[in-house]
N, C-alpha and C. Protein backbone atom coordinates (compact mmCIF):
# COMPACT_ATOMS: atom_id res chain seq x y z
N MET A 1 187.90 65.54 174.39
CA MET A 1 186.92 66.26 175.00
C MET A 1 185.40 65.16 175.58
N ARG A 2 185.07 64.82 176.64
CA ARG A 2 184.06 63.94 177.14
C ARG A 2 182.95 64.94 177.47
N GLN A 3 182.47 64.85 176.93
CA GLN A 3 180.68 64.55 177.00
C GLN A 3 180.20 63.17 177.28
N VAL A 4 178.37 63.91 178.21
CA VAL A 4 177.45 63.08 178.63
C VAL A 4 176.13 63.21 177.98
N VAL A 5 175.64 62.93 177.81
CA VAL A 5 174.17 62.66 177.01
C VAL A 5 173.69 62.15 177.88
N LEU A 6 171.96 63.16 178.27
CA LEU A 6 171.85 62.71 180.05
C LEU A 6 170.33 63.34 179.74
N ASP A 7 169.07 62.04 179.77
CA ASP A 7 167.38 62.00 180.27
C ASP A 7 167.41 61.73 181.20
N THR A 8 166.03 61.94 182.17
CA THR A 8 165.34 61.56 183.09
C THR A 8 163.48 61.26 182.32
N GLU A 9 163.22 60.34 183.17
CA GLU A 9 161.74 60.13 183.62
C GLU A 9 161.22 60.46 184.78
N THR A 10 160.17 61.29 184.84
CA THR A 10 160.05 61.38 186.47
C THR A 10 158.14 60.99 186.66
N THR A 11 157.64 61.27 187.30
CA THR A 11 156.90 60.61 188.12
C THR A 11 155.21 61.78 187.52
N GLY A 12 156.02 63.33 187.25
CA GLY A 12 155.11 64.41 186.85
C GLY A 12 155.84 65.67 186.33
N LEU A 13 155.36 66.86 186.55
CA LEU A 13 156.10 67.71 185.50
C LEU A 13 156.74 68.86 186.51
N SER A 14 156.77 68.73 187.78
CA SER A 14 156.94 70.36 188.20
C SER A 14 157.75 69.39 189.76
N ALA A 15 159.06 69.66 189.78
CA ALA A 15 160.32 68.97 191.40
C ALA A 15 159.35 70.11 192.12
N SER A 16 158.91 71.48 191.71
CA SER A 16 159.04 72.15 193.36
C SER A 16 157.52 71.49 193.84
N GLU A 17 156.70 70.63 192.97
CA GLU A 17 155.05 70.26 193.15
C GLU A 17 155.64 69.05 194.15
N GLY A 18 156.79 68.83 194.33
CA GLY A 18 157.53 66.90 195.27
C GLY A 18 157.29 65.94 193.77
N HIS A 19 157.13 66.25 192.62
CA HIS A 19 157.14 64.72 191.78
C HIS A 19 159.09 64.06 191.93
N ARG A 20 159.06 62.98 191.12
CA ARG A 20 160.55 62.59 191.58
C ARG A 20 160.76 61.92 190.18
N ILE A 21 162.33 61.51 190.67
CA ILE A 21 162.99 60.89 188.68
C ILE A 21 162.70 59.55 189.56
N ILE A 22 162.00 59.32 188.37
CA ILE A 22 162.05 57.62 188.53
C ILE A 22 163.00 56.87 187.05
N GLU A 23 163.60 57.31 186.49
CA GLU A 23 164.22 56.40 185.46
C GLU A 23 165.82 57.71 185.17
N ILE A 24 167.07 57.34 184.94
CA ILE A 24 167.61 58.28 184.61
C ILE A 24 168.28 57.20 183.29
N GLY A 25 169.13 58.80 182.25
CA GLY A 25 169.85 57.21 181.62
C GLY A 25 170.72 58.42 180.83
N CYS A 26 172.68 57.72 181.06
CA CYS A 26 173.45 58.85 180.23
C CYS A 26 174.24 57.74 179.53
N LEU A 27 174.79 58.49 178.83
CA LEU A 27 176.15 57.85 177.47
C LEU A 27 176.95 58.66 177.40
N GLU A 28 178.62 58.05 176.97
CA GLU A 28 179.55 58.95 176.88
C GLU A 28 179.87 59.26 175.35
N ILE A 29 180.50 60.16 175.42
CA ILE A 29 180.86 60.72 174.31
C ILE A 29 182.08 61.30 174.25
N VAL A 30 183.53 60.37 173.80
CA VAL A 30 185.03 61.33 173.43
C VAL A 30 185.29 61.24 172.90
N ASN A 31 186.19 62.47 172.37
CA ASN A 31 186.10 63.42 170.91
C ASN A 31 185.04 62.74 170.05
N ARG A 32 183.83 63.03 170.13
CA ARG A 32 182.92 63.10 169.30
C ARG A 32 182.22 61.75 168.76
N ARG A 33 183.08 60.69 169.76
CA ARG A 33 182.86 59.18 169.16
C ARG A 33 181.83 58.32 170.23
N LEU A 34 180.54 57.87 170.43
CA LEU A 34 180.35 57.09 171.32
C LEU A 34 180.94 56.15 171.84
N THR A 35 181.14 55.81 173.11
CA THR A 35 182.46 54.68 173.59
C THR A 35 181.52 53.67 173.95
N GLY A 36 180.40 53.50 174.19
CA GLY A 36 179.61 52.30 174.58
C GLY A 36 179.40 52.49 175.96
N ARG A 37 179.47 53.46 176.42
CA ARG A 37 179.56 53.22 178.06
C ARG A 37 178.50 54.09 178.82
N THR A 38 178.14 53.65 179.52
CA THR A 38 176.37 54.20 179.56
C THR A 38 176.12 53.64 181.48
N LEU A 39 174.77 54.32 181.56
CA LEU A 39 174.29 54.19 183.03
C LEU A 39 173.26 54.64 182.77
N HIS A 40 172.44 53.46 183.32
CA HIS A 40 170.83 53.27 183.00
C HIS A 40 170.39 52.98 184.63
N LEU A 41 169.26 53.92 185.10
CA LEU A 41 168.65 53.32 185.88
C LEU A 41 167.46 53.32 186.35
N TYR A 42 166.72 52.73 187.01
CA TYR A 42 165.14 53.00 187.50
C TYR A 42 164.88 52.86 188.81
N LEU A 43 164.28 54.04 189.38
CA LEU A 43 164.26 54.50 190.77
C LEU A 43 162.73 54.34 190.94
N ASN A 44 163.08 53.82 192.20
CA ASN A 44 161.40 54.06 193.35
C ASN A 44 161.22 55.40 194.00
N PRO A 45 160.61 55.95 193.24
CA PRO A 45 159.97 57.22 193.36
C PRO A 45 159.77 57.67 194.67
N GLU A 46 159.02 56.79 195.83
CA GLU A 46 158.35 56.84 196.73
C GLU A 46 157.23 57.48 196.46
N ARG A 47 156.73 57.74 195.66
CA ARG A 47 155.14 58.31 195.67
C ARG A 47 154.70 57.60 194.34
N GLU A 48 152.92 57.69 194.06
CA GLU A 48 152.46 57.40 192.32
C GLU A 48 152.96 58.42 191.58
N ILE A 49 152.60 58.16 190.66
CA ILE A 49 153.53 58.22 189.39
C ILE A 49 151.46 58.93 188.65
N ASP A 50 151.88 60.43 188.28
CA ASP A 50 150.66 61.24 187.48
C ASP A 50 150.46 59.65 186.22
N GLU A 51 149.30 60.06 186.01
CA GLU A 51 148.84 59.29 185.08
C GLU A 51 149.13 59.47 183.97
N ALA A 52 149.04 60.64 183.57
CA ALA A 52 149.70 61.39 182.25
C ALA A 52 150.72 61.09 181.62
N ALA A 53 151.49 61.34 182.84
CA ALA A 53 153.38 60.56 183.03
C ALA A 53 153.26 59.39 182.45
N THR A 54 152.43 58.74 182.81
CA THR A 54 152.92 56.77 183.05
C THR A 54 152.37 56.69 181.25
N GLU A 55 151.89 57.78 180.88
CA GLU A 55 150.97 57.50 178.84
C GLU A 55 152.07 57.49 178.42
N VAL A 56 153.00 58.74 179.02
CA VAL A 56 154.37 59.47 177.89
C VAL A 56 155.38 58.14 177.95
N HIS A 57 155.68 57.23 179.55
CA HIS A 57 156.87 56.08 179.98
C HIS A 57 156.57 55.60 180.14
N GLY A 58 155.24 54.63 180.53
CA GLY A 58 154.92 53.28 180.50
C GLY A 58 155.21 53.01 181.67
N MET A 59 155.33 53.59 182.47
CA MET A 59 155.87 53.41 184.07
C MET A 59 154.37 53.50 185.08
N THR A 60 154.36 52.21 185.85
CA THR A 60 153.41 52.93 187.06
C THR A 60 154.49 53.09 188.29
N TRP A 61 154.17 53.59 189.56
CA TRP A 61 154.64 52.55 190.71
C TRP A 61 155.11 51.26 191.17
N ASP A 62 153.90 50.94 190.83
CA ASP A 62 154.06 49.20 191.05
C ASP A 62 155.27 48.81 190.46
N ASP A 63 155.41 48.94 189.08
CA ASP A 63 156.48 48.77 188.50
C ASP A 63 158.09 49.38 189.29
N LEU A 64 158.22 50.20 190.17
CA LEU A 64 159.65 50.30 190.22
C LEU A 64 159.68 50.47 191.86
N ARG A 65 158.63 49.66 192.83
CA ARG A 65 158.82 49.89 194.13
C ARG A 65 159.91 49.50 194.77
N ASP A 66 160.53 47.55 193.61
CA ASP A 66 161.75 47.56 194.39
C ASP A 66 162.75 47.76 193.41
N LYS A 67 162.43 49.15 193.39
CA LYS A 67 164.27 49.91 192.99
C LYS A 67 164.96 50.04 193.31
N PRO A 68 165.64 50.89 193.36
CA PRO A 68 166.41 51.47 194.54
C PRO A 68 166.20 53.14 194.53
N ARG A 69 166.24 53.43 195.84
CA ARG A 69 166.07 54.66 195.86
C ARG A 69 167.61 55.86 195.46
N PHE A 70 166.69 56.82 194.96
CA PHE A 70 167.22 57.90 194.07
C PHE A 70 168.84 58.01 195.17
N ALA A 71 168.94 58.52 196.70
CA ALA A 71 169.60 58.26 198.02
C ALA A 71 171.24 57.86 197.41
N GLU A 72 170.70 56.31 196.81
CA GLU A 72 171.22 54.93 196.83
C GLU A 72 172.14 54.71 196.02
N VAL A 73 171.76 56.36 194.84
CA VAL A 73 172.48 55.74 193.21
C VAL A 73 172.98 57.04 193.10
N ALA A 74 172.59 58.01 193.74
CA ALA A 74 172.99 59.92 193.63
C ALA A 74 174.60 59.60 193.29
N GLU A 75 175.41 59.11 194.50
CA GLU A 75 177.28 59.53 193.70
C GLU A 75 177.46 58.88 192.60
N ARG A 76 177.09 57.62 192.37
CA ARG A 76 176.88 56.78 191.09
C ARG A 76 176.92 58.18 189.47
N VAL A 77 175.56 58.77 190.10
CA VAL A 77 175.11 59.42 188.95
C VAL A 77 176.14 60.57 188.73
N LEU A 78 176.45 60.79 189.90
CA LEU A 78 177.44 62.16 189.64
C LEU A 78 179.08 61.58 189.73
N ALA A 79 179.12 60.75 189.20
CA ALA A 79 180.55 59.82 189.58
C ALA A 79 180.52 60.12 187.60
N PHE A 80 179.19 59.73 187.54
CA PHE A 80 178.99 59.47 185.54
C PHE A 80 180.01 60.58 184.82
N CYS A 81 178.43 61.55 185.06
CA CYS A 81 178.83 62.67 185.18
C CYS A 81 179.98 63.79 185.37
N GLU A 82 181.02 63.38 186.35
CA GLU A 82 182.12 64.67 186.57
C GLU A 82 182.91 64.53 185.89
N GLY A 83 183.65 65.92 185.89
CA GLY A 83 184.18 66.82 184.82
C GLY A 83 184.09 66.45 183.05
N ALA A 84 182.67 66.45 182.72
CA ALA A 84 181.62 66.05 181.15
C ALA A 84 181.27 66.92 181.57
N GLU A 85 181.04 67.72 179.93
CA GLU A 85 179.96 68.84 179.47
C GLU A 85 178.84 68.06 179.30
N VAL A 86 177.53 68.27 179.83
CA VAL A 86 176.26 67.41 179.73
C VAL A 86 175.74 67.81 179.33
N LEU A 87 174.96 66.69 177.85
CA LEU A 87 173.90 67.41 177.04
C LEU A 87 172.84 67.32 177.90
N ILE A 88 171.45 67.99 177.81
CA ILE A 88 170.40 67.89 178.29
C ILE A 88 169.57 68.52 177.03
N HIS A 89 168.37 67.83 176.71
CA HIS A 89 167.39 68.81 175.87
C HIS A 89 166.59 69.74 177.37
N ASN A 90 166.54 70.19 176.39
CA ASN A 90 165.30 70.94 177.45
C ASN A 90 165.87 70.64 179.34
N ALA A 91 167.08 71.68 179.49
CA ALA A 91 167.66 71.18 180.04
C ALA A 91 167.30 72.36 181.83
N ALA A 92 166.75 73.32 182.00
CA ALA A 92 165.91 73.01 182.59
C ALA A 92 165.27 72.92 183.40
N PHE A 93 164.07 70.97 182.67
CA PHE A 93 163.45 70.31 183.56
C PHE A 93 164.35 69.51 183.92
N ASP A 94 164.79 68.99 183.01
CA ASP A 94 166.42 67.47 183.87
C ASP A 94 166.57 67.94 185.16
N LEU A 95 167.37 69.34 185.07
CA LEU A 95 167.96 69.76 185.94
C LEU A 95 167.50 70.57 187.60
N SER A 96 166.04 70.75 187.01
CA SER A 96 165.01 70.96 188.30
C SER A 96 165.02 69.85 189.49
N PHE A 97 164.41 68.74 188.71
CA PHE A 97 164.56 67.49 189.19
C PHE A 97 165.98 67.17 189.74
N LEU A 98 166.99 67.24 189.08
CA LEU A 98 168.33 66.38 189.91
C LEU A 98 168.52 67.50 190.93
N ASP A 99 168.54 69.06 191.03
CA ASP A 99 168.99 69.52 192.02
C ASP A 99 167.95 69.21 193.10
N ALA A 100 166.75 68.78 192.74
CA ALA A 100 165.73 68.88 194.16
C ALA A 100 166.06 67.31 194.71
N GLU A 101 166.35 66.07 193.71
CA GLU A 101 167.12 65.31 194.51
C GLU A 101 168.43 65.38 195.09
N LEU A 102 168.92 65.85 194.72
CA LEU A 102 170.34 66.09 195.12
C LEU A 102 170.26 67.09 196.32
N GLY A 103 169.07 67.85 196.57
CA GLY A 103 169.23 68.41 197.80
C GLY A 103 168.49 67.58 198.70
N ARG A 104 167.72 66.65 198.77
CA ARG A 104 167.25 65.92 199.69
C ARG A 104 168.17 65.26 200.47
N VAL A 105 169.53 64.47 199.57
CA VAL A 105 170.92 63.98 199.93
C VAL A 105 171.68 64.89 200.40
N ASP A 106 171.70 66.23 200.44
CA ASP A 106 173.09 67.50 200.51
C ASP A 106 174.28 67.29 199.68
N LEU A 107 173.75 66.51 198.35
CA LEU A 107 174.70 66.90 197.59
C LEU A 107 174.68 67.84 196.52
N GLY A 108 174.05 68.88 197.21
CA GLY A 108 174.30 70.70 196.38
C GLY A 108 173.70 70.55 195.04
N ARG A 109 174.33 71.12 194.09
CA ARG A 109 173.61 71.34 192.64
C ARG A 109 174.40 70.01 191.28
N PHE A 110 173.49 70.45 190.72
CA PHE A 110 174.07 69.45 189.67
C PHE A 110 175.25 69.77 188.88
N ARG A 111 175.41 71.01 188.20
CA ARG A 111 176.13 72.13 188.03
C ARG A 111 177.48 71.87 188.53
N ASP A 112 176.94 72.21 189.34
CA ASP A 112 178.31 72.24 189.96
C ASP A 112 179.21 70.86 190.49
N ARG A 113 179.24 69.73 189.66
CA ARG A 113 179.53 68.58 189.90
C ARG A 113 179.74 67.78 188.52
N CYS A 114 179.79 68.67 187.28
CA CYS A 114 179.69 68.34 186.05
C CYS A 114 180.57 69.75 185.49
N ALA A 115 180.97 69.81 184.48
CA ALA A 115 182.38 70.81 184.40
C ALA A 115 181.01 71.81 183.37
N SER A 116 180.39 71.30 182.67
CA SER A 116 179.13 72.05 182.37
C SER A 116 177.90 71.41 181.69
N VAL A 117 176.47 72.60 181.18
CA VAL A 117 175.24 71.49 181.08
C VAL A 117 175.57 72.43 179.36
N LEU A 118 175.45 71.47 178.46
CA LEU A 118 174.43 72.25 177.43
C LEU A 118 173.34 71.88 177.09
N ASP A 119 172.06 72.71 176.83
CA ASP A 119 170.86 72.70 176.11
C ASP A 119 170.80 72.21 174.90
N THR A 120 170.43 70.80 174.48
CA THR A 120 170.74 71.43 173.21
C THR A 120 169.23 71.54 172.21
N LEU A 121 167.75 71.55 173.75
CA LEU A 121 167.06 72.53 172.92
C LEU A 121 167.50 73.90 172.57
N LEU A 122 168.03 74.38 172.91
CA LEU A 122 168.18 76.06 172.87
C LEU A 122 169.75 76.20 172.09
N MET A 123 170.25 75.10 171.39
CA MET A 123 171.31 74.83 170.69
C MET A 123 170.31 74.77 169.21
N ALA A 124 168.97 74.18 169.40
CA ALA A 124 168.37 73.98 168.22
C ALA A 124 167.18 74.89 167.69
N ARG A 125 166.71 75.79 169.32
CA ARG A 125 166.37 76.97 168.07
C ARG A 125 167.13 77.85 167.93
N GLU A 126 168.57 77.81 168.37
CA GLU A 126 168.90 78.81 167.56
C GLU A 126 169.28 78.31 166.19
N LEU A 127 169.94 77.05 165.81
CA LEU A 127 170.12 77.03 164.70
C LEU A 127 168.83 76.44 163.32
N HIS A 128 167.77 76.66 164.16
CA HIS A 128 166.09 76.14 163.55
C HIS A 128 165.22 76.73 164.35
N PRO A 129 164.80 78.68 163.99
CA PRO A 129 164.33 79.15 164.38
C PRO A 129 162.99 78.84 164.06
N GLY A 130 161.58 79.03 164.72
CA GLY A 130 160.44 79.43 164.64
C GLY A 130 159.67 77.82 163.77
N LYS A 131 160.64 76.89 164.35
CA LYS A 131 160.41 75.58 163.81
C LYS A 131 160.13 74.15 164.39
N ARG A 132 159.72 73.44 164.85
CA ARG A 132 159.63 72.43 165.60
C ARG A 132 161.12 71.81 166.27
N ASN A 133 161.54 71.93 167.70
CA ASN A 133 162.78 71.11 167.86
C ASN A 133 162.48 70.42 169.04
N SER A 134 160.95 69.85 169.30
CA SER A 134 161.38 69.14 170.00
C SER A 134 162.51 67.65 170.00
N LEU A 135 162.60 66.38 170.32
CA LEU A 135 163.56 65.47 169.81
C LEU A 135 162.85 64.99 168.59
N ASP A 136 161.71 64.39 168.49
CA ASP A 136 161.31 63.52 167.52
C ASP A 136 161.10 64.77 165.81
N ALA A 137 160.97 65.50 166.07
CA ALA A 137 161.06 66.53 165.21
C ALA A 137 162.33 67.04 164.70
N LEU A 138 163.56 66.67 165.72
CA LEU A 138 165.36 67.09 165.24
C LEU A 138 165.37 65.29 164.68
N CYS A 139 165.21 64.89 164.79
CA CYS A 139 165.62 63.04 164.31
C CYS A 139 164.69 63.34 163.27
N ASP A 140 163.38 63.63 162.60
CA ASP A 140 163.02 64.13 161.34
C ASP A 140 163.94 65.12 160.40
N ARG A 141 164.28 65.83 160.83
CA ARG A 141 164.68 66.46 160.72
C ARG A 141 166.37 66.35 160.00
N TYR A 142 167.36 65.49 160.64
CA TYR A 142 168.75 65.38 160.76
C TYR A 142 168.62 63.83 160.26
N GLY A 143 167.19 63.15 160.09
CA GLY A 143 167.41 61.30 159.51
C GLY A 143 167.95 60.34 160.17
N VAL A 144 167.63 60.73 161.83
CA VAL A 144 167.71 59.63 163.14
C VAL A 144 166.83 59.14 163.26
N SER A 145 166.61 57.56 162.83
CA SER A 145 165.13 56.64 162.65
C SER A 145 165.01 57.02 164.38
N ASN A 146 164.23 57.17 164.40
CA ASN A 146 163.31 56.64 165.73
C ASN A 146 161.42 55.61 165.49
N ALA A 147 162.01 55.24 164.80
CA ALA A 147 160.95 54.37 164.47
C ALA A 147 160.68 53.62 165.80
N HIS A 148 161.73 53.11 165.98
CA HIS A 148 161.83 52.23 167.22
C HIS A 148 160.80 52.66 168.89
N ARG A 149 160.48 54.43 168.57
CA ARG A 149 159.96 55.04 170.25
C ARG A 149 159.41 55.14 170.49
N THR A 150 158.18 54.37 170.86
CA THR A 150 157.03 54.39 171.37
C THR A 150 155.99 54.67 171.92
N LEU A 151 157.38 54.32 173.49
CA LEU A 151 157.02 55.28 174.85
C LEU A 151 158.22 56.17 174.77
N HIS A 152 158.11 57.18 175.89
CA HIS A 152 160.00 57.60 175.91
C HIS A 152 160.48 57.05 177.10
N GLY A 153 161.74 56.68 176.86
CA GLY A 153 162.83 55.87 178.14
C GLY A 153 163.87 57.12 177.95
N ALA A 154 164.41 56.93 179.00
CA ALA A 154 165.46 57.45 179.28
C ALA A 154 166.38 57.80 178.80
N LEU A 155 167.30 56.24 178.36
CA LEU A 155 168.42 55.60 178.20
C LEU A 155 167.89 55.88 176.25
N LEU A 156 166.83 55.83 175.64
CA LEU A 156 166.30 55.60 174.25
C LEU A 156 166.78 56.97 173.95
N ASP A 157 166.03 57.96 175.00
CA ASP A 157 165.93 59.04 174.47
C ASP A 157 167.52 59.74 174.01
N SER A 158 168.53 59.05 175.40
CA SER A 158 169.91 59.98 175.28
C SER A 158 170.64 59.08 174.13
N GLU A 159 170.11 58.27 173.68
CA GLU A 159 170.82 57.27 172.66
C GLU A 159 170.58 58.40 170.95
N LEU A 160 169.46 59.28 171.37
CA LEU A 160 169.10 59.50 170.09
C LEU A 160 169.05 60.54 170.35
N LEU A 161 169.07 61.72 171.06
CA LEU A 161 169.87 63.04 171.48
C LEU A 161 171.13 62.81 171.11
N ALA A 162 171.89 61.71 171.52
CA ALA A 162 173.55 62.12 170.95
C ALA A 162 173.42 61.83 169.49
N GLU A 163 172.83 61.07 168.86
CA GLU A 163 172.60 61.29 167.30
C GLU A 163 172.64 62.43 166.68
N VAL A 164 171.08 62.46 167.42
CA VAL A 164 171.12 64.58 166.67
C VAL A 164 172.47 65.68 167.31
N TYR A 165 172.65 65.68 168.43
CA TYR A 165 173.84 66.40 168.51
C TYR A 165 174.80 66.16 167.27
N LEU A 166 175.62 64.83 167.52
CA LEU A 166 175.95 64.74 166.42
C LEU A 166 176.26 65.66 165.22
N ALA A 167 175.19 64.90 164.96
CA ALA A 167 174.29 65.53 163.57
C ALA A 167 174.16 67.23 163.03
N MET A 168 173.53 67.83 164.00
CA MET A 168 173.06 69.26 164.44
C MET A 168 174.94 70.03 164.85
N THR A 169 176.06 69.43 164.96
CA THR A 169 177.36 70.05 165.56
C THR A 169 178.16 69.65 163.95
N ARG A 170 177.94 68.91 163.23
CA ARG A 170 178.71 68.24 162.49
C ARG A 170 179.25 69.33 161.56
N GLY A 171 178.55 69.80 160.85
CA GLY A 171 179.46 70.89 160.24
C GLY A 171 180.20 70.75 158.81
N GLN A 172 179.99 71.44 157.81
CA GLN A 172 180.75 71.43 156.39
C GLN A 172 181.39 72.73 156.19
N ASP A 173 183.11 72.45 156.91
CA ASP A 173 183.50 73.84 155.90
C ASP A 173 184.70 73.40 155.62
N SER A 174 184.91 72.36 155.00
CA SER A 174 186.35 71.92 154.31
C SER A 174 185.89 70.34 153.80
N PHE A 175 186.04 71.01 152.36
CA PHE A 175 186.31 69.44 151.82
C PHE A 175 187.16 68.65 151.43
N GLU A 176 188.53 68.82 152.03
CA GLU A 176 189.65 68.06 152.13
C GLU A 176 189.24 67.10 152.77
N ILE A 177 190.00 66.14 151.88
CA ILE A 177 189.86 64.50 152.18
C ILE A 177 190.89 64.15 153.28
N ALA A 178 190.28 63.91 154.56
CA ALA A 178 191.49 63.85 155.88
C ALA A 178 191.88 62.62 155.59
N LEU A 179 193.21 62.98 155.14
CA LEU A 179 194.41 61.48 155.27
C LEU A 179 194.49 61.04 156.56
N ASP A 180 195.12 60.00 156.67
CA ASP A 180 195.79 59.52 158.40
C ASP A 180 196.61 60.08 159.03
N ALA A 181 196.75 60.43 159.78
CA ALA A 181 197.11 61.35 160.85
C ALA A 181 198.55 60.61 160.40
N GLY A 182 199.28 59.18 160.24
CA GLY A 182 200.58 59.03 159.59
C GLY A 182 200.12 58.11 158.67
N THR A 183 201.96 57.87 158.53
CA THR A 183 201.86 56.42 157.08
C THR A 183 202.88 55.11 157.79
N GLN A 184 202.97 54.02 157.45
CA GLN A 184 203.48 52.93 157.99
C GLN A 184 205.01 53.89 158.13
N ASP A 185 205.42 54.63 157.55
CA ASP A 185 207.22 54.56 158.07
C ASP A 185 207.20 55.56 158.88
N GLY A 186 206.16 56.29 159.18
CA GLY A 186 205.70 57.03 160.18
C GLY A 186 205.79 58.74 159.96
N GLN A 187 206.15 59.57 158.54
CA GLN A 187 205.52 60.49 158.27
C GLN A 187 204.87 60.83 157.93
N GLY A 188 204.23 61.95 158.24
CA GLY A 188 203.05 62.43 158.57
C GLY A 188 201.74 62.63 157.20
N ALA A 189 200.53 62.67 157.33
CA ALA A 189 199.83 63.21 156.45
C ALA A 189 200.80 64.18 155.27
N ASP A 190 201.66 65.39 155.74
CA ASP A 190 201.59 66.08 154.80
C ASP A 190 202.79 65.69 153.70
N ALA A 191 203.31 64.52 154.27
CA ALA A 191 203.94 64.06 153.06
C ALA A 191 203.74 62.99 152.38
N VAL A 192 202.37 62.40 152.45
CA VAL A 192 201.68 62.05 150.96
C VAL A 192 201.18 62.75 149.86
N GLU A 193 201.42 62.18 148.92
CA GLU A 193 201.46 62.99 147.95
C GLU A 193 199.19 62.36 147.11
N TRP A 194 198.92 63.84 147.35
CA TRP A 194 197.88 63.27 146.78
C TRP A 194 197.22 64.94 146.39
N PRO A 195 196.39 64.39 144.57
CA PRO A 195 196.11 62.72 144.69
C PRO A 195 197.30 62.01 144.25
N PRO A 196 197.11 60.77 144.47
CA PRO A 196 198.05 59.77 144.40
C PRO A 196 198.43 59.64 142.47
N ARG A 197 199.63 59.45 142.41
CA ARG A 197 200.22 58.77 140.85
C ARG A 197 199.24 57.83 140.86
N GLY A 198 198.91 58.53 138.97
CA GLY A 198 197.87 57.09 138.81
C GLY A 198 196.70 57.40 138.35
N LEU A 199 195.61 57.85 139.60
CA LEU A 199 194.64 58.56 139.82
C LEU A 199 194.20 59.21 138.76
N ARG A 200 193.38 58.37 138.07
CA ARG A 200 192.25 59.48 136.97
C ARG A 200 191.87 60.91 137.07
N VAL A 201 191.60 61.93 136.39
CA VAL A 201 191.44 62.86 136.74
C VAL A 201 189.86 63.04 135.73
N LEU A 202 188.65 63.21 135.72
CA LEU A 202 187.98 63.51 134.81
C LEU A 202 187.58 64.54 134.99
N PRO A 203 187.53 65.80 134.15
CA PRO A 203 186.52 67.35 133.94
C PRO A 203 185.64 66.97 133.95
N ALA A 204 184.69 68.18 134.75
CA ALA A 204 183.13 67.83 133.86
C ALA A 204 182.99 68.06 132.77
N SER A 205 182.38 68.29 132.26
CA SER A 205 181.59 68.75 130.86
C SER A 205 181.07 70.07 131.29
N ALA A 206 180.84 70.64 130.15
CA ALA A 206 180.59 72.02 130.35
C ALA A 206 178.47 71.74 130.97
N ALA A 207 178.15 71.13 130.25
CA ALA A 207 176.87 70.68 130.56
C ALA A 207 176.73 70.66 132.84
N GLU A 208 177.91 69.49 133.25
CA GLU A 208 177.47 69.08 134.26
C GLU A 208 178.39 69.95 135.56
N ALA A 209 178.88 71.45 134.59
CA ALA A 209 179.80 72.51 135.56
C ALA A 209 178.13 73.65 135.57
N GLY A 210 177.48 73.52 134.07
CA GLY A 210 176.54 74.58 134.14
C GLY A 210 175.48 73.98 135.35
N ALA A 211 174.94 72.49 135.58
CA ALA A 211 174.60 72.11 136.65
C ALA A 211 174.93 72.58 137.79
N HIS A 212 176.29 72.69 137.84
CA HIS A 212 176.74 71.81 139.37
C HIS A 212 176.62 74.27 139.47
N GLU A 213 177.01 75.15 138.96
CA GLU A 213 176.76 76.37 138.96
C GLU A 213 175.24 76.72 139.75
N ALA A 214 174.16 76.02 138.95
CA ALA A 214 173.07 76.55 138.95
C ALA A 214 172.21 75.98 140.92
N ALA A 215 173.11 74.57 141.19
CA ALA A 215 172.95 74.27 142.56
C ALA A 215 173.48 74.94 143.55
N LEU A 216 174.78 75.62 143.37
CA LEU A 216 175.35 76.63 143.87
C LEU A 216 174.59 78.11 144.94
N ALA A 217 173.90 78.39 143.36
CA ALA A 217 173.35 79.48 143.43
C ALA A 217 171.90 79.15 144.30
N VAL A 218 171.45 78.10 144.18
CA VAL A 218 170.10 77.31 145.09
C VAL A 218 170.59 77.99 146.40
N ILE A 219 171.46 77.30 146.68
CA ILE A 219 172.47 76.52 148.27
C ILE A 219 172.68 78.24 148.70
N ALA A 220 172.77 78.55 148.15
CA ALA A 220 173.71 80.33 148.56
C ALA A 220 172.40 81.08 149.09
N LYS A 221 171.78 80.72 147.95
CA LYS A 221 169.88 81.76 148.16
C LYS A 221 169.36 81.06 150.08
N GLU A 222 169.49 79.61 149.83
CA GLU A 222 168.95 79.27 150.76
C GLU A 222 169.74 79.45 152.49
N ARG A 223 171.27 79.78 152.05
CA ARG A 223 172.22 80.00 153.15
C ARG A 223 171.80 81.48 153.46
N LYS A 224 171.35 82.08 152.29
CA LYS A 224 171.21 83.47 152.41
C LYS A 224 173.18 84.20 152.51
N GLY A 225 173.89 83.97 151.87
CA GLY A 225 174.86 84.30 151.86
C GLY A 225 175.79 83.25 150.86
N THR A 226 177.26 83.55 150.57
CA THR A 226 178.05 82.88 149.45
C THR A 226 178.48 81.15 150.34
N SER A 227 177.74 80.25 148.97
CA SER A 227 178.21 78.79 149.35
C SER A 227 179.70 78.76 149.41
N ILE A 228 179.73 77.35 150.21
CA ILE A 228 181.18 77.38 150.94
C ILE A 228 181.98 76.23 149.59
N TRP A 229 181.32 75.83 148.94
CA TRP A 229 181.75 75.12 147.38
C TRP A 229 182.20 76.23 146.78
N ALA A 230 182.73 75.93 146.09
CA ALA A 230 183.57 76.97 144.91
C ALA A 230 183.94 76.17 144.06
N SER A 231 183.55 76.64 142.72
CA SER A 231 183.78 76.17 141.44
C SER A 231 185.73 76.05 141.03
N GLU A 232 186.48 75.36 140.50
CA GLU A 232 187.32 75.31 140.59
C GLU A 232 187.61 74.87 138.71
N PRO A 233 188.55 76.30 138.56
CA PRO A 233 189.01 75.20 137.02
C PRO A 233 189.46 74.47 136.61
N ALA A 234 188.79 73.02 135.14
CA ALA A 234 188.96 71.73 135.32
C ALA A 234 189.86 71.70 135.33
N GLN A 235 190.86 70.92 135.57
CA GLN A 235 192.83 70.21 134.95
C GLN A 235 192.57 68.86 134.41
N SER A 236 192.93 68.82 133.39
CA SER A 236 192.89 67.52 132.44
C SER A 236 194.25 66.75 133.07
N ALA A 237 193.48 65.58 132.58
CA ALA A 237 194.38 64.71 133.15
C ALA A 237 195.84 63.98 133.09
């Protein structure tokens, strides 16, 4: 599956009031792996930037006067996102700006040019109701380092969001050790013996088993349901 993480920076908060996009950052994920392929553009907004917005991303119109206008890069943005599920944090905001920019050049709606749009803010709210779900809060929650993020930047925020999204959706419903899809003689994973012969298995002591059961009880209480971990009878080596 191909996904594109997208973020924008703008001259202000409202596209309906004529504010414009000044930066677009996109990166590609294929089958849950970052490919290293990115699209990063600074744009001339053809207008002044609100002071409050400059405090967020650090850019002024003078910084951007020599950059291309959106009309000059619109097809590049659409081509990068075409056919992909696009991940955006607070998608309604970015989509309002993208649609306004595309409307100015008669290129329709952004949603119509990609496979789908996934709002990671809505996803986070479902996973963590009642908690802060800003990108910074999610970085803290999932252990994604954002120490280098002193100002907002479209590509930097896309990189952070990609890591957060992969952490949010990683899941743990199986603890089976994944074997390689094939072996040197071409046999599938089912043909590989596990555990391998000669592997020494040390059963848990009674104290260790008791501590494990206590930990499972805590996890089950936090999840408000049965834990996916289950104790199995120890087998001798």
